PDB file of N, CA and C in Angstrom:
ATOM      1  N   UNK A   1      25.690   3.509   7.270  1.00  0.00           N
ATOM      2  CA  UNK A   1      25.007   2.638   6.344  1.00  0.00           C
ATOM      3  C   UNK A   1      25.973   2.064   5.316  1.00  0.00           C
ATOM      4  N   UNK A   2      27.009   2.823   4.993  1.00  0.00           N
ATOM      5  CA  UNK A   2      27.949   2.345   3.982  1.00  0.00           C
ATOM      6  C   UNK A   2      29.096   1.555   4.586  1.00  0.00           C
ATOM      7  N   UNK A   3      29.421   1.811   5.860  1.00  0.00           N
ATOM      8  CA  UNK A   3      30.561   1.147   6.491  1.00  0.00           C
ATOM      9  C   UNK A   3      30.259  -0.327   6.761  1.00  0.00           C
ATOM     10  N   UNK A   4      31.331  -1.111   6.887  1.00  0.00           N
ATOM     11  CA  UNK A   4      31.172  -2.545   7.126  1.00  0.00           C
ATOM     12  C   UNK A   4      30.482  -2.813   8.463  1.00  0.00           C
ATOM     13  N   UNK A   5      30.717  -1.975   9.473  1.00  0.00           N
ATOM     14  CA  UNK A   5      30.080  -2.181  10.779  1.00  0.00           C
ATOM     15  C   UNK A   5      28.643  -1.671  10.802  1.00  0.00           C
ATOM     16  N   UNK A   6      28.213  -1.014   9.748  1.00  0.00           N
ATOM     17  CA  UNK A   6      26.817  -0.592   9.618  1.00  0.00           C
ATOM     18  C   UNK A   6      26.061  -1.618   8.796  1.00  0.00           C
ATOM     19  N   UNK A   7      25.474  -1.163   7.741  1.00  0.00           N
ATOM     20  CA  UNK A   7      24.764  -2.085   6.850  1.00  0.00           C
ATOM     21  C   UNK A   7      25.665  -2.671   5.778  1.00  0.00           C
ATOM     22  N   UNK A   8      26.861  -2.116   5.614  1.00  0.00           N
ATOM     23  CA  UNK A   8      27.812  -2.655   4.650  1.00  0.00           C
ATOM     24  C   UNK A   8      27.459  -2.393   3.199  1.00  0.00           C
ATOM     25  N   UNK A   9      26.693  -1.351   2.939  1.00  0.00           N
ATOM     26  CA  UNK A   9      26.284  -1.068   1.564  1.00  0.00           C
ATOM     27  C   UNK A   9      27.436  -0.575   0.695  1.00  0.00           C
ATOM     28  N   UNK A  10      28.472  -0.018   1.297  1.00  0.00           N
ATOM     29  CA  UNK A  10      29.598   0.502   0.532  1.00  0.00           C
ATOM     30  C   UNK A  10      30.309  -0.558  -0.282  1.00  0.00           C
ATOM     31  N   UNK A  11      30.241  -1.783   0.157  1.00  0.00           N
ATOM     32  CA  UNK A  11      30.884  -2.888  -0.550  1.00  0.00           C
ATOM     33  C   UNK A  11      30.215  -3.153  -1.898  1.00  0.00           C
ATOM     34  N   UNK A  12      28.927  -2.845  -1.987  1.00  0.00           N
ATOM     35  CA  UNK A  12      28.158  -3.188  -3.181  1.00  0.00           C
ATOM     36  C   UNK A  12      27.881  -2.000  -4.100  1.00  0.00           C
ATOM     37  N   UNK A  13      28.265  -0.797  -3.680  1.00  0.00           N
ATOM     38  CA  UNK A  13      27.953   0.398  -4.470  1.00  0.00           C
ATOM     39  C   UNK A  13      29.197   0.933  -5.154  1.00  0.00           C
ATOM     40  N   UNK A  14      29.031   1.452  -6.345  1.00  0.00           N
ATOM     41  CA  UNK A  14      30.122   2.105  -7.052  1.00  0.00           C
ATOM     42  C   UNK A  14      30.200   3.580  -6.667  1.00  0.00           C
ATOM     43  N   UNK A  15      31.139   4.295  -7.255  1.00  0.00           N
ATOM     44  CA  UNK A  15      31.349   5.703  -6.911  1.00  0.00           C
ATOM     45  C   UNK A  15      30.139   6.565  -7.260  1.00  0.00           C
ATOM     46  N   UNK A  16      29.586   6.353  -8.437  1.00  0.00           N
ATOM     47  CA  UNK A  16      28.434   7.157  -8.851  1.00  0.00           C
ATOM     48  C   UNK A  16      27.222   6.869  -7.968  1.00  0.00           C
ATOM     49  N   UNK A  17      27.029   5.615  -7.615  1.00  0.00           N
ATOM     50  CA  UNK A  17      25.903   5.252  -6.762  1.00  0.00           C
ATOM     51  C   UNK A  17      26.080   5.818  -5.360  1.00  0.00           C
ATOM     52  N   UNK A  18      27.313   5.817  -4.856  1.00  0.00           N
ATOM     53  CA  UNK A  18      27.571   6.405  -3.536  1.00  0.00           C
ATOM     54  C   UNK A  18      27.314   7.907  -3.560  1.00  0.00           C
ATOM     55  N   UNK A  19      27.694   8.560  -4.637  1.00  0.00           N
ATOM     56  CA  UNK A  19      27.437   9.994  -4.756  1.00  0.00           C
ATOM     57  C   UNK A  19      25.931  10.267  -4.787  1.00  0.00           C
ATOM     58  N   UNK A  20      25.198   9.446  -5.487  1.00  0.00           N
ATOM     59  CA  UNK A  20      23.741   9.574  -5.526  1.00  0.00           C
ATOM     60  C   UNK A  20      23.134   9.331  -4.146  1.00  0.00           C
ATOM     61  N   UNK A  21      23.649   8.337  -3.441  1.00  0.00           N
ATOM     62  CA  UNK A  21      23.192   8.050  -2.081  1.00  0.00           C
ATOM     63  C   UNK A  21      23.470   9.239  -1.163  1.00  0.00           C
ATOM     64  N   UNK A  22      24.668   9.821  -1.248  1.00  0.00           N
ATOM     65  CA  UNK A  22      25.018  10.982  -0.433  1.00  0.00           C
ATOM     66  C   UNK A  22      24.105  12.164  -0.747  1.00  0.00           C
ATOM     67  N   UNK A  23      23.810  12.379  -2.014  1.00  0.00           N
ATOM     68  CA  UNK A  23      22.903  13.458  -2.405  1.00  0.00           C
ATOM     69  C   UNK A  23      21.513  13.225  -1.844  1.00  0.00           C
ATOM     70  N   UNK A  24      21.048  11.979  -1.860  1.00  0.00           N
ATOM     71  CA  UNK A  24      19.722  11.655  -1.317  1.00  0.00           C
ATOM     72  C   UNK A  24      19.668  11.909   0.185  1.00  0.00           C
ATOM     73  N   UNK A  25      20.722  11.550   0.907  1.00  0.00           N
ATOM     74  CA  UNK A  25      20.780  11.812   2.349  1.00  0.00           C
ATOM     75  C   UNK A  25      20.754  13.309   2.603  1.00  0.00           C
ATOM     76  N   UNK A  26      21.526  14.072   1.829  1.00  0.00           N
ATOM     77  CA  UNK A  26      21.540  15.525   1.969  1.00  0.00           C
ATOM     78  C   UNK A  26      20.153  16.100   1.691  1.00  0.00           C
ATOM     79  N   UNK A  27      19.488  15.598   0.672  1.00  0.00           N
ATOM     80  CA  UNK A  27      18.156  16.086   0.319  1.00  0.00           C
ATOM     81  C   UNK A  27      17.151  15.824   1.446  1.00  0.00           C
ATOM     82  N   UNK A  28      17.255  14.685   2.095  1.00  0.00           N
ATOM     83  CA  UNK A  28      16.376  14.370   3.224  1.00  0.00           C
ATOM     84  C   UNK A  28      16.629  15.344   4.378  1.00  0.00           C
ATOM     85  N   UNK A  29      17.890  15.668   4.661  1.00  0.00           N
ATOM     86  CA  UNK A  29      18.181  16.606   5.747  1.00  0.00           C
ATOM     87  C   UNK A  29      17.683  18.006   5.414  1.00  0.00           C
ATOM     88  N   UNK A  30      17.782  18.417   4.162  1.00  0.00           N
ATOM     89  CA  UNK A  30      17.265  19.730   3.760  1.00  0.00           C
ATOM     90  C   UNK A  30      15.749  19.762   3.902  1.00  0.00           C
ATOM     91  N   UNK A  31      15.074  18.701   3.496  1.00  0.00           N
ATOM     92  CA  UNK A  31      13.617  18.639   3.641  1.00  0.00           C
ATOM     93  C   UNK A  31      13.216  18.677   5.113  1.00  0.00           C
ATOM     94  N   UNK A  32      13.956  17.979   5.962  1.00  0.00           N
ATOM     95  CA  UNK A  32      13.675  18.011   7.403  1.00  0.00           C
ATOM     96  C   UNK A  32      13.886  19.393   7.991  1.00  0.00           C
ATOM     97  N   UNK A  33      14.962  20.071   7.591  1.00  0.00           N
ATOM     98  CA  UNK A  33      15.224  21.422   8.082  1.00  0.00           C
ATOM     99  C   UNK A  33      14.143  22.386   7.611  1.00  0.00           C
ATOM    100  N   UNK A  34      13.703  22.232   6.382  1.00  0.00           N
ATOM    101  CA  UNK A  34      12.636  23.089   5.861  1.00  0.00           C
ATOM    102  C   UNK A  34      11.335  22.873   6.639  1.00  0.00           C
ATOM    103  N   UNK A  35      11.024  21.612   6.924  1.00  0.00           N
ATOM    104  CA  UNK A  35       9.806  21.304   7.673  1.00  0.00           C
ATOM    105  C   UNK A  35       9.859  21.899   9.077  1.00  0.00           C
ATOM    106  N   UNK A  36      11.017  21.799   9.738  1.00  0.00           N
ATOM    107  CA  UNK A  36      11.158  22.396  11.071  1.00  0.00           C
ATOM    108  C   UNK A  36      10.993  23.912  11.012  1.00  0.00           C
ATOM    109  N   UNK A  37      11.609  24.540  10.015  1.00  0.00           N
ATOM    110  CA  UNK A  37      11.503  26.000   9.880  1.00  0.00           C
ATOM    111  C   UNK A  37      10.068  26.417   9.579  1.00  0.00           C
ATOM    112  N   UNK A  38       9.399  25.688   8.716  1.00  0.00           N
ATOM    113  CA  UNK A  38       8.020  26.008   8.362  1.00  0.00           C
ATOM    114  C   UNK A  38       7.099  25.939   9.575  1.00  0.00           C
ATOM    115  N   UNK A  39       7.362  24.963  10.463  1.00  0.00           N
ATOM    116  CA  UNK A  39       6.543  24.802  11.664  1.00  0.00           C
ATOM    117  C   UNK A  39       6.982  25.719  12.803  1.00  0.00           C
ATOM    118  N   UNK A  40       8.065  26.459  12.605  1.00  0.00           N
ATOM    119  CA  UNK A  40       8.542  27.370  13.641  1.00  0.00           C
ATOM    120  C   UNK A  40       9.222  26.660  14.807  1.00  0.00           C
ATOM    121  N   UNK A  41       9.737  25.464  14.558  1.00  0.00           N
ATOM    122  CA  UNK A  41      10.400  24.689  15.607  1.00  0.00           C
ATOM    123  C   UNK A  41      11.905  24.795  15.471  1.00  0.00           C
ATOM    124  N   UNK A  42      12.597  24.623  16.593  1.00  0.00           N
ATOM    125  CA  UNK A  42      14.059  24.636  16.581  1.00  0.00           C
ATOM    126  C   UNK A  42      14.574  23.256  16.186  1.00  0.00           C
ATOM    127  N   UNK A  43      15.737  23.247  15.575  1.00  0.00           N
ATOM    128  CA  UNK A  43      16.363  21.993  15.200  1.00  0.00           C
ATOM    129  C   UNK A  43      17.124  21.380  16.366  1.00  0.00           C
ATOM    130  N   UNK A  44      17.614  20.150  16.198  1.00  0.00           N
ATOM    131  CA  UNK A  44      18.304  19.462  17.288  1.00  0.00           C
ATOM    132  C   UNK A  44      19.610  20.131  17.709  1.00  0.00           C
ATOM    133  N   UNK A  45      20.300  20.787  16.780  1.00  0.00           N
ATOM    134  CA  UNK A  45      21.560  21.442  17.125  1.00  0.00           C
ATOM    135  C   UNK A  45      21.334  22.670  18.012  1.00  0.00           C
ATOM    136  N   UNK A  46      20.132  23.180  18.054  1.00  0.00           N
ATOM    137  CA  UNK A  46      19.803  24.282  18.942  1.00  0.00           C
ATOM    138  C   UNK A  46      19.083  23.786  20.189  1.00  0.00           C
ATOM    139  N   UNK A  47      18.245  22.786  20.049  1.00  0.00           N
ATOM    140  CA  UNK A  47      17.439  22.292  21.166  1.00  0.00           C
ATOM    141  C   UNK A  47      18.288  21.584  22.219  1.00  0.00           C
ATOM    142  N   UNK A  48      19.195  20.721  21.803  1.00  0.00           N
ATOM    143  CA  UNK A  48      19.980  19.932  22.761  1.00  0.00           C
ATOM    144  C   UNK A  48      20.851  20.811  23.653  1.00  0.00           C
ATOM    145  N   UNK A  49      21.641  21.752  23.113  1.00  0.00           N
ATOM    146  CA  UNK A  49      22.432  22.593  24.017  1.00  0.00           C
ATOM    147  C   UNK A  49      21.570  23.437  24.958  1.00  0.00           C
ATOM    148  N   UNK A  50      20.431  23.936  24.470  1.00  0.00           N
ATOM    149  CA  UNK A  50      19.554  24.708  25.346  1.00  0.00           C
ATOM    150  C   UNK A  50      19.003  23.834  26.472  1.00  0.00           C
ATOM    151  N   UNK A  51      18.617  22.618  26.158  1.00  0.00           N
ATOM    152  CA  UNK A  51      18.085  21.723  27.185  1.00  0.00           C
ATOM    153  C   UNK A  51      19.158  21.370  28.202  1.00  0.00           C
ATOM    154  N   UNK A  52      20.394  21.144  27.729  1.00  0.00           N
ATOM    155  CA  UNK A  52      21.484  20.836  28.649  1.00  0.00           C
ATOM    156  C   UNK A  52      21.810  22.020  29.549  1.00  0.00           C
ATOM    157  N   UNK A  53      21.706  23.215  28.998  1.00  0.00           N
ATOM    158  CA  UNK A  53      22.067  24.409  29.758  1.00  0.00           C
ATOM    159  C   UNK A  53      20.958  24.854  30.703  1.00  0.00           C
ATOM    160  N   UNK A  54      19.735  24.863  30.225  1.00  0.00           N
ATOM    161  CA  UNK A  54      18.635  25.445  31.003  1.00  0.00           C
ATOM    162  C   UNK A  54      17.649  24.409  31.543  1.00  0.00           C
ATOM    163  N   UNK A  55      17.726  23.167  31.114  1.00  0.00           N
ATOM    164  CA  UNK A  55      16.766  22.147  31.557  1.00  0.00           C
ATOM    165  C   UNK A  55      15.475  22.243  30.776  1.00  0.00           C
ATOM    166  N   UNK A  56      14.515  21.424  31.174  1.00  0.00           N
ATOM    167  CA  UNK A  56      13.208  21.441  30.493  1.00  0.00           C
ATOM    168  C   UNK A  56      12.417  22.664  30.919  1.00  0.00           C
ATOM    169  N   UNK A  57      11.556  23.113  30.009  1.00  0.00           N
ATOM    170  CA  UNK A  57      10.679  24.248  30.337  1.00  0.00           C
ATOM    171  C   UNK A  57       9.636  23.821  31.353  1.00  0.00           C
ATOM    172  N   UNK A  58       9.326  24.690  32.279  1.00  0.00           N
ATOM    173  CA  UNK A  58       8.246  24.417  33.233  1.00  0.00           C
ATOM    174  C   UNK A  58       6.923  24.730  32.560  1.00  0.00           C
ATOM    175  N   UNK A  59       5.945  23.929  32.825  1.00  0.00           N
ATOM    176  CA  UNK A  59       4.654  24.288  32.280  1.00  0.00           C
ATOM    177  C   UNK A  59       3.981  23.188  31.655  1.00  0.00           C
TER     178      UNK A  59
END
């Protein structure tokens, strides 16, 4: 989002604003991880390797 080949937002943001943006992205990932844990679901870093190794569950 910040790179020129993305949305190019880095060109228009200062250091403090970029730090705030990074904190907001981190906060969204923490909220997503909390929601997955609360629902008892595995995250993508666990699901993808298991699917590649064992395939889809039958059923």
